[in-house]
Amino acid sequence: MDEFDKARDLGLIGLGLLAVSTSKLVSKVDDMIAKNQVNKKEGEKMIKMLKQEGFDRRREVENLVKNELKDFYKSVFVSKKDFENIKKRLLKLEKNLKKKK
């Protein structure tokens, strides 16, 4: 398993945990409403807040994974510009070597 697969899997695990956590919290608030531990209006407000918080955290995790993947790609792959520069330098070196022979 390479670094890309590891980063992707970690991101998916994080998103899955967020989804499960949010879902469980919403379920708990629903139970509290059903048991009259919180009034319906307050419960709905809490659920709305929990869902928004879950959404916000999910975006944070997605951005974190996206940035990590960008950094990974930069460390593994060469840009087209860099490749062209290396190619020019290599051709120049080959030309100089042929002259010296």
C-alpha atoms as a PDB file:
ATOM      1  CA  MET A   1       0.000   0.000   0.000  1.00  0.00           C
ATOM      2  CA  ASP A   2       1.557   3.302  -1.049  1.00  0.00           C
ATOM      3  CA  GLU A   3       1.288   6.710   0.633  1.00  0.00           C
ATOM      4  CA  PHE A   4      -1.600   7.768  -1.621  1.00  0.00           C
ATOM      5  CA  ASP A   5      -3.690   4.749  -0.586  1.00  0.00           C
ATOM      6  CA  LYS A   6      -2.876   5.356   3.076  1.00  0.00           C
ATOM      7  CA  ALA A   7      -3.888   9.017   2.902  1.00  0.00           C
ATOM      8  CA  ARG A   8      -7.103   8.180   1.048  1.00  0.00           C
ATOM      9  CA  ASP A   9      -8.006   5.441   3.517  1.00  0.00           C
ATOM     10  CA  LEU A  10      -7.343   7.705   6.509  1.00  0.00           C
ATOM     11  CA  GLY A  11      -9.547  10.386   4.979  1.00  0.00           C
ATOM     12  CA  LEU A  12     -12.348   7.899   4.360  1.00  0.00           C
ATOM     13  CA  ILE A  13     -12.071   6.556   7.899  1.00  0.00           C
ATOM     14  CA  GLY A  14     -12.264  10.101   9.281  1.00  0.00           C
ATOM     15  CA  LEU A  15     -15.318  10.907   7.170  1.00  0.00           C
ATOM     16  CA  GLY A  16     -16.965   7.653   8.220  1.00  0.00           C
ATOM     17  CA  LEU A  17     -16.367   8.374  11.897  1.00  0.00           C
ATOM     18  CA  LEU A  18     -17.823  11.848  11.510  1.00  0.00           C
ATOM     19  CA  ALA A  19     -20.925  10.484   9.800  1.00  0.00           C
ATOM     20  CA  VAL A  20     -21.468   7.808  12.456  1.00  0.00           C
ATOM     21  CA  SER A  21     -20.855  10.237  15.315  1.00  0.00           C
ATOM     22  CA  THR A  22     -23.255  12.824  13.923  1.00  0.00           C
ATOM     23  CA  SER A  23     -25.867  10.156  13.249  1.00  0.00           C
ATOM     24  CA  LYS A  24     -25.596   8.774  16.786  1.00  0.00           C
ATOM     25  CA  LEU A  25     -25.837  12.236  18.330  1.00  0.00           C
ATOM     26  CA  VAL A  26     -28.930  13.071  16.272  1.00  0.00           C
ATOM     27  CA  SER A  27     -30.462   9.750  17.312  1.00  0.00           C
ATOM     28  CA  LYS A  28     -29.714  10.547  20.965  1.00  0.00           C
ATOM     29  CA  VAL A  29     -31.411  13.950  20.660  1.00  0.00           C
ATOM     30  CA  ASP A  30     -34.433  12.271  19.035  1.00  0.00           C
ATOM     31  CA  ASP A  31     -34.595   9.914  22.019  1.00  0.00           C
ATOM     32  CA  MET A  32     -34.410  12.874  24.402  1.00  0.00           C
ATOM     33  CA  ILE A  33     -37.300  14.533  22.570  1.00  0.00           C
ATOM     34  CA  ALA A  34     -39.325  11.311  22.710  1.00  0.00           C
ATOM     35  CA  LYS A  35     -38.701  11.022  26.461  1.00  0.00           C
ATOM     36  CA  ASN A  36     -39.605  14.705  26.966  1.00  0.00           C
ATOM     37  CA  GLN A  37     -36.138  15.435  28.333  1.00  0.00           C
ATOM     38  CA  VAL A  38     -35.932  18.327  25.857  1.00  0.00           C
ATOM     39  CA  ASN A  39     -38.769  20.122  24.145  1.00  0.00           C
ATOM     40  CA  LYS A  40     -39.232  19.549  20.431  1.00  0.00           C
ATOM     41  CA  LYS A  41     -38.148  23.052  19.408  1.00  0.00           C
ATOM     42  CA  GLU A  42     -34.904  22.844  21.418  1.00  0.00           C
ATOM     43  CA  GLY A  43     -34.276  19.315  20.140  1.00  0.00           C
ATOM     44  CA  GLU A  44     -34.717  20.399  16.529  1.00  0.00           C
ATOM     45  CA  LYS A  45     -32.364  23.303  17.154  1.00  0.00           C
ATOM     46  CA  MET A  46     -29.778  20.890  18.620  1.00  0.00           C
ATOM     47  CA  ILE A  47     -30.157  18.509  15.660  1.00  0.00           C
ATOM     48  CA  LYS A  48     -29.718  21.362  13.192  1.00  0.00           C
ATOM     49  CA  MET A  49     -26.595  22.494  15.031  1.00  0.00           C
ATOM     50  CA  LEU A  50     -25.178  18.939  15.175  1.00  0.00           C
ATOM     51  CA  LYS A  51     -25.769  18.390  11.474  1.00  0.00           C
ATOM     52  CA  GLN A  52     -24.096  21.698  10.611  1.00  0.00           C
ATOM     53  CA  GLU A  53     -21.170  20.895  12.890  1.00  0.00           C
ATOM     54  CA  GLY A  54     -20.846  17.467  11.241  1.00  0.00           C
ATOM     55  CA  PHE A  55     -20.924  19.075   7.803  1.00  0.00           C
ATOM     56  CA  ASP A  56     -18.268  21.618   8.827  1.00  0.00           C
ATOM     57  CA  ARG A  57     -15.995  18.924  10.272  1.00  0.00           C
ATOM     58  CA  ARG A  58     -16.446  16.820   7.142  1.00  0.00           C
ATOM     59  CA  ARG A  59     -15.308  19.731   4.985  1.00  0.00           C
ATOM     60  CA  GLU A  60     -12.287  20.222   7.238  1.00  0.00           C
ATOM     61  CA  VAL A  61     -11.304  16.562   6.878  1.00  0.00           C
ATOM     62  CA  GLU A  62     -11.844  16.669   3.108  1.00  0.00           C
ATOM     63  CA  ASN A  63      -9.655  19.780   2.826  1.00  0.00           C
ATOM     64  CA  LEU A  64      -6.987  18.214   5.012  1.00  0.00           C
ATOM     65  CA  VAL A  65      -6.902  15.075   2.863  1.00  0.00           C
ATOM     66  CA  LYS A  66      -6.915  17.140  -0.328  1.00  0.00           C
ATOM     67  CA  ASN A  67      -3.954  19.217   0.886  1.00  0.00           C
ATOM     68  CA  GLU A  68      -2.051  16.125   2.001  1.00  0.00           C
ATOM     69  CA  LEU A  69      -2.602  14.526  -1.396  1.00  0.00           C
ATOM     70  CA  LYS A  70      -1.398  17.681  -3.155  1.00  0.00           C
ATOM     71  CA  ASP A  71       1.769  17.628  -1.054  1.00  0.00           C
ATOM     72  CA  PHE A  72       2.194  13.926  -1.812  1.00  0.00           C
ATOM     73  CA  TYR A  73       1.855  14.478  -5.555  1.00  0.00           C
ATOM     74  CA  LYS A  74       4.350  17.344  -5.433  1.00  0.00           C
ATOM     75  CA  SER A  75       6.875  15.135  -3.663  1.00  0.00           C
ATOM     76  CA  VAL A  76       6.438  12.214  -6.073  1.00  0.00           C
ATOM     77  CA  PHE A  77       5.786  13.736  -9.480  1.00  0.00           C
ATOM     78  CA  VAL A  78       7.750  16.278 -11.486  1.00  0.00           C
ATOM     79  CA  SER A  79       5.956  19.226 -13.050  1.00  0.00           C
ATOM     80  CA  LYS A  80       5.996  19.553 -16.822  1.00  0.00           C
ATOM     81  CA  LYS A  81       8.117  22.716 -16.512  1.00  0.00           C
ATOM     82  CA  ASP A  82      10.674  20.954 -14.308  1.00  0.00           C
ATOM     83  CA  PHE A  83      10.711  17.982 -16.674  1.00  0.00           C
ATOM     84  CA  GLU A  84      11.400  20.244 -19.661  1.00  0.00           C
ATOM     85  CA  ASN A  85      14.221  21.986 -17.764  1.00  0.00           C
ATOM     86  CA  ILE A  86      15.788  18.646 -16.845  1.00  0.00           C
ATOM     87  CA  LYS A  87      15.432  17.452 -20.418  1.00  0.00           C
ATOM     88  CA  LYS A  88      17.203  20.571 -21.745  1.00  0.00           C
ATOM     89  CA  ARG A  89      20.024  20.169 -19.225  1.00  0.00           C
ATOM     90  CA  LEU A  90      20.421  16.494 -20.101  1.00  0.00           C
ATOM     91  CA  LEU A  91      20.564  17.244 -23.825  1.00  0.00           C
ATOM     92  CA  LYS A  92      23.169  19.933 -23.161  1.00  0.00           C
ATOM     93  CA  LEU A  93      25.262  17.504 -21.074  1.00  0.00           C
ATOM     94  CA  GLU A  94      25.037  14.840 -23.774  1.00  0.00           C
ATOM     95  CA  LYS A  95      26.108  17.368 -26.382  1.00  0.00           C
ATOM     96  CA  ASN A  96      29.108  18.445 -24.246  1.00  0.00           C
ATOM     97  CA  LEU A  97      30.110  14.803 -23.693  1.00  0.00           C
ATOM     98  CA  LYS A  98      30.014  14.098 -27.420  1.00  0.00           C
ATOM     99  CA  LYS A  99      32.236  17.129 -28.065  1.00  0.00           C
ATOM    100  CA  LYS A 100      34.814  15.914 -25.534  1.00  0.00           C
ATOM    101  CA  LYS A 101      35.059  12.485 -27.211  1.00  0.00           C
END
